[in-house]
PDB file of N, CA and C in Angstrom:
ATOM      1  N   UNK A   1      74.910 120.751 132.855  1.00  0.00           N
ATOM      2  CA  UNK A   1      76.072 121.444 132.313  1.00  0.00           C
ATOM      3  C   UNK A   1      75.737 122.921 132.088  1.00  0.00           C
ATOM      4  N   UNK A   2      76.707 123.739 132.332  1.00  0.00           N
ATOM      5  CA  UNK A   2      76.585 125.176 132.087  1.00  0.00           C
ATOM      6  C   UNK A   2      77.488 125.535 130.918  1.00  0.00           C
ATOM      7  N   UNK A   3      77.211 126.665 130.309  1.00  0.00           N
ATOM      8  CA  UNK A   3      78.038 127.140 129.204  1.00  0.00           C
ATOM      9  C   UNK A   3      78.881 128.310 129.677  1.00  0.00           C
ATOM     10  N   UNK A   4      80.171 128.213 129.462  1.00  0.00           N
ATOM     11  CA  UNK A   4      81.088 129.310 129.763  1.00  0.00           C
ATOM     12  C   UNK A   4      80.668 130.484 128.882  1.00  0.00           C
ATOM     13  N   UNK A   5      80.291 131.629 129.472  1.00  0.00           N
ATOM     14  CA  UNK A   5      79.793 132.750 128.668  1.00  0.00           C
ATOM     15  C   UNK A   5      80.855 133.403 127.782  1.00  0.00           C
ATOM     16  N   UNK A   6      82.115 133.127 128.019  1.00  0.00           N
ATOM     17  CA  UNK A   6      83.185 133.737 127.235  1.00  0.00           C
ATOM     18  C   UNK A   6      83.523 132.890 126.017  1.00  0.00           C
ATOM     19  N   UNK A   7      83.853 131.612 126.230  1.00  0.00           N
ATOM     20  CA  UNK A   7      84.296 130.761 125.123  1.00  0.00           C
ATOM     21  C   UNK A   7      83.225 129.783 124.644  1.00  0.00           C
ATOM     22  N   UNK A   8      82.108 129.741 125.350  1.00  0.00           N
ATOM     23  CA  UNK A   8      80.952 128.893 125.002  1.00  0.00           C
ATOM     24  C   UNK A   8      81.185 127.395 125.242  1.00  0.00           C
ATOM     25  N   UNK A   9      82.243 127.045 125.951  1.00  0.00           N
ATOM     26  CA  UNK A   9      82.522 125.648 126.269  1.00  0.00           C
ATOM     27  C   UNK A   9      81.564 125.161 127.347  1.00  0.00           C
ATOM     28  N   UNK A  10      81.163 123.892 127.281  1.00  0.00           N
ATOM     29  CA  UNK A  10      80.323 123.316 128.322  1.00  0.00           C
ATOM     30  C   UNK A  10      81.165 123.029 129.555  1.00  0.00           C
ATOM     31  N   UNK A  11      80.629 123.396 130.728  1.00  0.00           N
ATOM     32  CA  UNK A  11      81.344 123.237 131.990  1.00  0.00           C
ATOM     33  C   UNK A  11      80.393 122.587 132.994  1.00  0.00           C
ATOM     34  N   UNK A  12      80.872 121.605 133.713  1.00  0.00           N
ATOM     35  CA  UNK A  12      80.071 120.945 134.741  1.00  0.00           C
ATOM     36  C   UNK A  12      79.968 121.842 135.971  1.00  0.00           C
ATOM     37  N   UNK A  13      78.746 122.083 136.417  1.00  0.00           N
ATOM     38  CA  UNK A  13      78.560 122.890 137.622  1.00  0.00           C
ATOM     39  C   UNK A  13      79.177 122.214 138.845  1.00  0.00           C
ATOM     40  N   UNK A  14      79.220 120.900 138.833  1.00  0.00           N
ATOM     41  CA  UNK A  14      79.726 120.147 139.989  1.00  0.00           C
ATOM     42  C   UNK A  14      81.244 120.186 140.098  1.00  0.00           C
ATOM     43  N   UNK A  15      81.941 120.288 138.971  1.00  0.00           N
ATOM     44  CA  UNK A  15      83.406 120.215 139.010  1.00  0.00           C
ATOM     45  C   UNK A  15      84.107 121.498 138.580  1.00  0.00           C
ATOM     46  N   UNK A  16      83.361 122.517 138.222  1.00  0.00           N
ATOM     47  CA  UNK A  16      83.970 123.771 137.760  1.00  0.00           C
ATOM     48  C   UNK A  16      84.844 124.380 138.853  1.00  0.00           C
ATOM     49  N   UNK A  17      86.062 124.715 138.493  1.00  0.00           N
ATOM     50  CA  UNK A  17      86.994 125.333 139.443  1.00  0.00           C
ATOM     51  C   UNK A  17      86.818 126.841 139.504  1.00  0.00           C
ATOM     52  N   UNK A  18      86.305 127.432 138.420  1.00  0.00           N
ATOM     53  CA  UNK A  18      86.200 128.885 138.342  1.00  0.00           C
ATOM     54  C   UNK A  18      84.748 129.303 138.176  1.00  0.00           C
ATOM     55  N   UNK A  19      84.265 130.093 139.130  1.00  0.00           N
ATOM     56  CA  UNK A  19      82.893 130.596 139.082  1.00  0.00           C
ATOM     57  C   UNK A  19      82.885 132.045 139.539  1.00  0.00           C
ATOM     58  N   UNK A  20      81.828 132.733 139.198  1.00  0.00           N
ATOM     59  CA  UNK A  20      81.621 134.079 139.713  1.00  0.00           C
ATOM     60  C   UNK A  20      80.123 134.335 139.738  1.00  0.00           C
ATOM     61  N   UNK A  21      79.713 135.280 140.549  1.00  0.00           N
ATOM     62  CA  UNK A  21      78.307 135.683 140.577  1.00  0.00           C
ATOM     63  C   UNK A  21      78.193 137.095 140.048  1.00  0.00           C
ATOM     64  N   UNK A  22      77.130 137.298 139.279  1.00  0.00           N
ATOM     65  CA  UNK A  22      76.867 138.622 138.713  1.00  0.00           C
ATOM     66  C   UNK A  22      75.371 138.812 138.667  1.00  0.00           C
ATOM     67  N   UNK A  23      74.907 139.883 139.288  1.00  0.00           N
ATOM     68  CA  UNK A  23      73.483 140.205 139.348  1.00  0.00           C
ATOM     69  C   UNK A  23      72.653 139.016 139.830  1.00  0.00           C
ATOM     70  N   UNK A  24      73.163 138.350 140.858  1.00  0.00           N
ATOM     71  CA  UNK A  24      72.430 137.267 141.488  1.00  0.00           C
ATOM     72  C   UNK A  24      72.464 135.929 140.763  1.00  0.00           C
ATOM     73  N   UNK A  25      73.226 135.824 139.707  1.00  0.00           N
ATOM     74  CA  UNK A  25      73.324 134.572 138.954  1.00  0.00           C
ATOM     75  C   UNK A  25      74.764 134.072 138.971  1.00  0.00           C
ATOM     76  N   UNK A  26      74.929 132.775 139.093  1.00  0.00           N
ATOM     77  CA  UNK A  26      76.256 132.176 139.120  1.00  0.00           C
ATOM     78  C   UNK A  26      76.651 131.750 137.712  1.00  0.00           C
ATOM     79  N   UNK A  27      77.888 132.080 137.326  1.00  0.00           N
ATOM     80  CA  UNK A  27      78.426 131.716 136.023  1.00  0.00           C
ATOM     81  C   UNK A  27      79.635 130.807 136.222  1.00  0.00           C
ATOM     82  N   UNK A  28      79.805 129.881 135.298  1.00  0.00           N
ATOM     83  CA  UNK A  28      80.847 128.864 135.379  1.00  0.00           C
ATOM     84  C   UNK A  28      81.820 129.031 134.216  1.00  0.00           C
ATOM     85  N   UNK A  29      83.117 128.804 134.499  1.00  0.00           N
ATOM     86  CA  UNK A  29      84.150 129.037 133.490  1.00  0.00           C
ATOM     87  C   UNK A  29      85.083 127.838 133.376  1.00  0.00           C
ATOM     88  N   UNK A  30      85.626 127.660 132.164  1.00  0.00           N
ATOM     89  CA  UNK A  30      86.537 126.545 131.901  1.00  0.00           C
ATOM     90  C   UNK A  30      87.948 126.838 132.385  1.00  0.00           C
ATOM     91  N   UNK A  31      88.293 128.118 132.511  1.00  0.00           N
ATOM     92  CA  UNK A  31      89.663 128.501 132.860  1.00  0.00           C
ATOM     93  C   UNK A  31      89.672 129.882 133.523  1.00  0.00           C
ATOM     94  N   UNK A  32      90.743 130.207 134.227  1.00  0.00           N
ATOM     95  CA  UNK A  32      90.798 131.507 134.895  1.00  0.00           C
ATOM     96  C   UNK A  32      90.790 132.682 133.927  1.00  0.00           C
ATOM     97  N   UNK A  33      91.314 132.498 132.727  1.00  0.00           N
ATOM     98  CA  UNK A  33      91.314 133.588 131.750  1.00  0.00           C
ATOM     99  C   UNK A  33      89.902 133.976 131.328  1.00  0.00           C
ATOM    100  N   UNK A  34      89.031 132.983 131.166  1.00  0.00           N
ATOM    101  CA  UNK A  34      87.640 133.272 130.807  1.00  0.00           C
ATOM    102  C   UNK A  34      86.933 133.986 131.966  1.00  0.00           C
ATOM    103  N   UNK A  35      87.186 133.531 133.174  1.00  0.00           N
ATOM    104  CA  UNK A  35      86.581 134.174 134.354  1.00  0.00           C
ATOM    105  C   UNK A  35      87.020 135.632 134.438  1.00  0.00           C
ATOM    106  N   UNK A  36      88.308 135.880 134.246  1.00  0.00           N
ATOM    107  CA  UNK A  36      88.840 137.245 134.320  1.00  0.00           C
ATOM    108  C   UNK A  36      88.224 138.128 133.236  1.00  0.00           C
ATOM    109  N   UNK A  37      88.145 137.601 132.016  1.00  0.00           N
ATOM    110  CA  UNK A  37      87.561 138.379 130.918  1.00  0.00           C
ATOM    111  C   UNK A  37      86.114 138.746 131.228  1.00  0.00           C
ATOM    112  N   UNK A  38      85.353 137.801 131.752  1.00  0.00           N
ATOM    113  CA  UNK A  38      83.954 138.065 132.098  1.00  0.00           C
ATOM    114  C   UNK A  38      83.854 139.121 133.196  1.00  0.00           C
ATOM    115  N   UNK A  39      84.658 138.974 134.218  1.00  0.00           N
ATOM    116  CA  UNK A  39      84.593 139.913 135.342  1.00  0.00           C
ATOM    117  C   UNK A  39      84.996 141.328 134.937  1.00  0.00           C
ATOM    118  N   UNK A  40      85.861 141.458 133.938  1.00  0.00           N
ATOM    119  CA  UNK A  40      86.262 142.785 133.472  1.00  0.00           C
ATOM    120  C   UNK A  40      85.176 143.464 132.646  1.00  0.00           C
ATOM    121  N   UNK A  41      84.323 142.688 131.983  1.00  0.00           N
ATOM    122  CA  UNK A  41      83.283 143.268 131.140  1.00  0.00           C
ATOM    123  C   UNK A  41      82.098 142.305 130.998  1.00  0.00           C
ATOM    124  N   UNK A  42      81.375 142.030 132.091  1.00  0.00           N
ATOM    125  CA  UNK A  42      80.293 141.044 132.033  1.00  0.00           C
ATOM    126  C   UNK A  42      79.186 141.404 131.049  1.00  0.00           C
ATOM    127  N   UNK A  43      78.867 142.667 130.922  1.00  0.00           N
ATOM    128  CA  UNK A  43      77.772 143.057 130.029  1.00  0.00           C
ATOM    129  C   UNK A  43      78.075 142.709 128.576  1.00  0.00           C
ATOM    130  N   UNK A  44      79.328 142.766 128.179  1.00  0.00           N
ATOM    131  CA  UNK A  44      79.714 142.394 126.816  1.00  0.00           C
ATOM    132  C   UNK A  44      79.321 140.942 126.529  1.00  0.00           C
ATOM    133  N   UNK A  45      79.652 140.057 127.448  1.00  0.00           N
ATOM    134  CA  UNK A  45      79.378 138.637 127.233  1.00  0.00           C
ATOM    135  C   UNK A  45      77.901 138.311 127.390  1.00  0.00           C
ATOM    136  N   UNK A  46      77.222 138.989 128.305  1.00  0.00           N
ATOM    137  CA  UNK A  46      75.787 138.749 128.456  1.00  0.00           C
ATOM    138  C   UNK A  46      75.034 139.245 127.225  1.00  0.00           C
ATOM    139  N   UNK A  47      75.497 140.346 126.640  1.00  0.00           N
ATOM    140  CA  UNK A  47      74.878 140.849 125.416  1.00  0.00           C
ATOM    141  C   UNK A  47      75.049 139.847 124.276  1.00  0.00           C
ATOM    142  N   UNK A  48      76.233 139.251 124.171  1.00  0.00           N
ATOM    143  CA  UNK A  48      76.479 138.249 123.121  1.00  0.00           C
ATOM    144  C   UNK A  48      75.567 137.036 123.288  1.00  0.00           C
ATOM    145  N   UNK A  49      75.333 136.631 124.533  1.00  0.00           N
ATOM    146  CA  UNK A  49      74.434 135.497 124.803  1.00  0.00           C
ATOM    147  C   UNK A  49      73.023 135.844 124.346  1.00  0.00           C
ATOM    148  N   UNK A  50      72.572 137.042 124.675  1.00  0.00           N
ATOM    149  CA  UNK A  50      71.215 137.466 124.288  1.00  0.00           C
ATOM    150  C   UNK A  50      71.075 137.527 122.771  1.00  0.00           C
ATOM    151  N   UNK A  51      72.103 138.014 122.092  1.00  0.00           N
ATOM    152  CA  UNK A  51      72.048 138.101 120.628  1.00  0.00           C
ATOM    153  C   UNK A  51      71.996 136.721 119.992  1.00  0.00           C
ATOM    154  N   UNK A  52      72.647 135.744 120.602  1.00  0.00           N
ATOM    155  CA  UNK A  52      72.617 134.384 120.068  1.00  0.00           C
ATOM    156  C   UNK A  52      71.233 133.760 120.192  1.00  0.00           C
ATOM    157  N   UNK A  53      70.474 134.165 121.196  1.00  0.00           N
ATOM    158  CA  UNK A  53      69.135 133.623 121.410  1.00  0.00           C
ATOM    159  C   UNK A  53      68.147 134.110 120.346  1.00  0.00           C
ATOM    160  N   UNK A  54      68.432 135.256 119.768  1.00  0.00           N
ATOM    161  CA  UNK A  54      67.500 135.859 118.791  1.00  0.00           C
ATOM    162  C   UNK A  54      67.552 135.177 117.454  1.00  0.00           C
TER     163      UNK A  54
END
C-alpha cells in the first residue's frame, strides 16, 4: 500500500486510478483532486511528509 501524499489515505498500488511521477518516483492518489493538488505544488506535500518523519 502507498500513502496519498495529499490526504494521507492508504492507496493500493495495484488498483490506484490516479498516479503521477515526480523526480523519478511514482506517487499514488485516492482521487483526481489529490493528484491535481500534488501536481500544482509537489514540494509542499513532500515537505509535509519529511516533517512528519522527524
